Amino acid sequence: MSNDKEIENMIQEKNLNAARLTPALIDKAILTAQYHVFDGTCLTVCCLTLQNGFNVTGESACASPDNFDEEIGQKIAFENARQKVWTLEGYLLKELLSKS
């Protein structure tokens, strides 16, 4: 998420204030996060439930079971799911702007 903050700072410094998404808006769209690691695997899945009830998933896996760390897996899976929220919210904003 630090990359989001860096980009947001650049946008603010350049006064780019037209209708747009922000990291805060993306985070506000997320209601809950649930995680699951499949038995016998290093695969972590994150399921984000958005404010409107829609679900978005993200995943992470490591090549070597010796490197598996549940906290890291959850963080990566969450960020992968969150990135999909940007795409969905971007589409929604563009749709709204096209009708105004």
C-alpha atoms as a PDB file:
ATOM      1  CA  MET A   1       0.000   0.000   0.000  1.00  0.00           C
ATOM      2  CA  SER A   2       2.963   2.365   0.349  1.00  0.00           C
ATOM      3  CA  ASN A   3       2.997   2.566  -3.450  1.00  0.00           C
ATOM      4  CA  ASP A   4      -0.604   3.823  -3.296  1.00  0.00           C
ATOM      5  CA  LYS A   5       0.465   6.539  -0.872  1.00  0.00           C
ATOM      6  CA  GLU A   6       3.381   7.603  -3.067  1.00  0.00           C
ATOM      7  CA  ILE A   7       1.161   7.836  -6.133  1.00  0.00           C
ATOM      8  CA  GLU A   8      -1.552   9.679  -4.191  1.00  0.00           C
ATOM      9  CA  ASN A   9       1.045  12.213  -3.024  1.00  0.00           C
ATOM     10  CA  MET A  10       2.200  12.764  -6.612  1.00  0.00           C
ATOM     11  CA  ILE A  11      -1.395  13.296  -7.754  1.00  0.00           C
ATOM     12  CA  GLN A  12      -1.985  15.820  -4.970  1.00  0.00           C
ATOM     13  CA  GLU A  13       1.277  17.667  -5.699  1.00  0.00           C
ATOM     14  CA  LYS A  14       0.238  18.030  -9.347  1.00  0.00           C
ATOM     15  CA  ASN A  15      -3.277  19.222  -8.401  1.00  0.00           C
ATOM     16  CA  LEU A  16      -4.980  16.494 -10.453  1.00  0.00           C
ATOM     17  CA  ASN A  17      -8.398  16.911  -8.887  1.00  0.00           C
ATOM     18  CA  ALA A  18     -10.854  15.689 -11.519  1.00  0.00           C
ATOM     19  CA  ALA A  19     -13.210  12.875 -10.544  1.00  0.00           C
ATOM     20  CA  ARG A  20     -11.064   9.896  -9.635  1.00  0.00           C
ATOM     21  CA  LEU A  21     -10.569   7.055  -7.231  1.00  0.00           C
ATOM     22  CA  THR A  22      -8.365   7.309  -4.176  1.00  0.00           C
ATOM     23  CA  PRO A  23      -6.837   4.646  -1.942  1.00  0.00           C
ATOM     24  CA  ALA A  24      -9.233   5.780   0.798  1.00  0.00           C
ATOM     25  CA  LEU A  25     -12.249   5.215  -1.475  1.00  0.00           C
ATOM     26  CA  ILE A  26     -11.010   1.740  -2.351  1.00  0.00           C
ATOM     27  CA  ASP A  27     -10.503   0.885   1.306  1.00  0.00           C
ATOM     28  CA  LYS A  28     -13.953   2.277   2.146  1.00  0.00           C
ATOM     29  CA  ALA A  29     -15.518  -0.035  -0.473  1.00  0.00           C
ATOM     30  CA  ILE A  30     -14.190  -3.096   1.414  1.00  0.00           C
ATOM     31  CA  LEU A  31     -16.479  -4.348   4.162  1.00  0.00           C
ATOM     32  CA  THR A  32     -14.687  -7.539   5.267  1.00  0.00           C
ATOM     33  CA  ALA A  33     -11.782  -9.813   4.394  1.00  0.00           C
ATOM     34  CA  GLN A  34     -11.768 -13.577   4.927  1.00  0.00           C
ATOM     35  CA  TYR A  35      -8.835 -15.926   4.344  1.00  0.00           C
ATOM     36  CA  HIS A  36      -8.479 -19.617   3.588  1.00  0.00           C
ATOM     37  CA  VAL A  37      -5.418 -21.823   3.170  1.00  0.00           C
ATOM     38  CA  PHE A  38      -6.205 -25.064   1.390  1.00  0.00           C
ATOM     39  CA  ASP A  39      -5.085 -28.173   3.272  1.00  0.00           C
ATOM     40  CA  GLY A  40      -1.740 -29.507   2.125  1.00  0.00           C
ATOM     41  CA  THR A  41      -0.939 -26.407   0.048  1.00  0.00           C
ATOM     42  CA  CYS A  42       0.722 -23.020   0.315  1.00  0.00           C
ATOM     43  CA  LEU A  43      -2.232 -21.406  -1.456  1.00  0.00           C
ATOM     44  CA  THR A  44      -3.882 -18.569   0.442  1.00  0.00           C
ATOM     45  CA  VAL A  45      -7.127 -17.082  -0.870  1.00  0.00           C
ATOM     46  CA  CYS A  46      -8.548 -13.788   0.322  1.00  0.00           C
ATOM     47  CA  CYS A  47     -12.241 -13.071  -0.205  1.00  0.00           C
ATOM     48  CA  LEU A  48     -13.170  -9.411   0.109  1.00  0.00           C
ATOM     49  CA  THR A  49     -16.807  -8.579   0.614  1.00  0.00           C
ATOM     50  CA  LEU A  50     -17.561  -5.112  -0.679  1.00  0.00           C
ATOM     51  CA  GLN A  51     -20.091  -2.694   0.793  1.00  0.00           C
ATOM     52  CA  ASN A  52     -22.648  -3.704  -1.854  1.00  0.00           C
ATOM     53  CA  GLY A  53     -22.241  -7.423  -1.060  1.00  0.00           C
ATOM     54  CA  PHE A  54     -20.131  -8.291  -4.125  1.00  0.00           C
ATOM     55  CA  ASN A  55     -17.158 -10.603  -3.491  1.00  0.00           C
ATOM     56  CA  VAL A  56     -13.668 -10.241  -4.933  1.00  0.00           C
ATOM     57  CA  THR A  57     -10.890 -12.792  -4.482  1.00  0.00           C
ATOM     58  CA  GLY A  58      -7.136 -12.640  -4.525  1.00  0.00           C
ATOM     59  CA  GLU A  59      -4.586 -15.352  -4.011  1.00  0.00           C
ATOM     60  CA  SER A  60      -0.984 -16.013  -3.112  1.00  0.00           C
ATOM     61  CA  ALA A  61       1.204 -19.102  -3.163  1.00  0.00           C
ATOM     62  CA  CYS A  62       4.844 -19.871  -2.580  1.00  0.00           C
ATOM     63  CA  ALA A  63       6.926 -22.334  -4.554  1.00  0.00           C
ATOM     64  CA  SER A  64       8.551 -23.882  -1.489  1.00  0.00           C
ATOM     65  CA  PRO A  65       6.505 -24.959   1.532  1.00  0.00           C
ATOM     66  CA  ASP A  66       9.521 -24.040   3.667  1.00  0.00           C
ATOM     67  CA  ASN A  67       8.872 -20.386   2.790  1.00  0.00           C
ATOM     68  CA  PHE A  68       5.166 -20.422   3.661  1.00  0.00           C
ATOM     69  CA  ASP A  69       4.158 -17.772   6.165  1.00  0.00           C
ATOM     70  CA  GLU A  70       0.457 -17.273   6.864  1.00  0.00           C
ATOM     71  CA  GLU A  71       0.733 -13.547   7.588  1.00  0.00           C
ATOM     72  CA  ILE A  72       2.692 -12.838   4.401  1.00  0.00           C
ATOM     73  CA  GLY A  73       0.346 -15.017   2.354  1.00  0.00           C
ATOM     74  CA  GLN A  74      -2.663 -13.124   3.665  1.00  0.00           C
ATOM     75  CA  LYS A  75      -1.068  -9.747   2.937  1.00  0.00           C
ATOM     76  CA  ILE A  76      -0.235 -10.697  -0.667  1.00  0.00           C
ATOM     77  CA  ALA A  77      -3.655 -12.276  -1.259  1.00  0.00           C
ATOM     78  CA  PHE A  78      -5.371  -9.183   0.180  1.00  0.00           C
ATOM     79  CA  GLU A  79      -3.384  -6.825  -2.046  1.00  0.00           C
ATOM     80  CA  ASN A  80      -4.175  -8.969  -5.110  1.00  0.00           C
ATOM     81  CA  ALA A  81      -7.893  -8.823  -4.282  1.00  0.00           C
ATOM     82  CA  ARG A  82      -7.720  -5.095  -3.498  1.00  0.00           C
ATOM     83  CA  GLN A  83      -6.166  -4.437  -6.895  1.00  0.00           C
ATOM     84  CA  LYS A  84      -9.260  -5.988  -8.489  1.00  0.00           C
ATOM     85  CA  VAL A  85     -11.426  -3.572  -6.500  1.00  0.00           C
ATOM     86  CA  TRP A  86      -9.568  -0.683  -8.202  1.00  0.00           C
ATOM     87  CA  THR A  87     -10.578  -2.105 -11.588  1.00  0.00           C
ATOM     88  CA  LEU A  88     -14.219  -2.570 -10.606  1.00  0.00           C
ATOM     89  CA  GLU A  89     -14.514   0.841  -8.992  1.00  0.00           C
ATOM     90  CA  GLY A  90     -12.747   2.436 -11.970  1.00  0.00           C
ATOM     91  CA  TYR A  91     -15.292   0.911 -14.308  1.00  0.00           C
ATOM     92  CA  LEU A  92     -18.136   2.127 -12.119  1.00  0.00           C
ATOM     93  CA  LEU A  93     -16.751   5.681 -11.995  1.00  0.00           C
ATOM     94  CA  LYS A  94     -16.251   5.767 -15.768  1.00  0.00           C
ATOM     95  CA  GLU A  95     -19.811   4.517 -16.264  1.00  0.00           C
ATOM     96  CA  LEU A  96     -21.159   7.263 -13.998  1.00  0.00           C
ATOM     97  CA  LEU A  97     -19.061   9.938 -15.713  1.00  0.00           C
ATOM     98  CA  SER A  98     -20.201   8.824 -19.154  1.00  0.00           C
ATOM     99  CA  LYS A  99     -23.802   9.526 -18.185  1.00  0.00           C
ATOM    100  CA  SER A 100     -23.265  13.018 -16.850  1.00  0.00           C
END
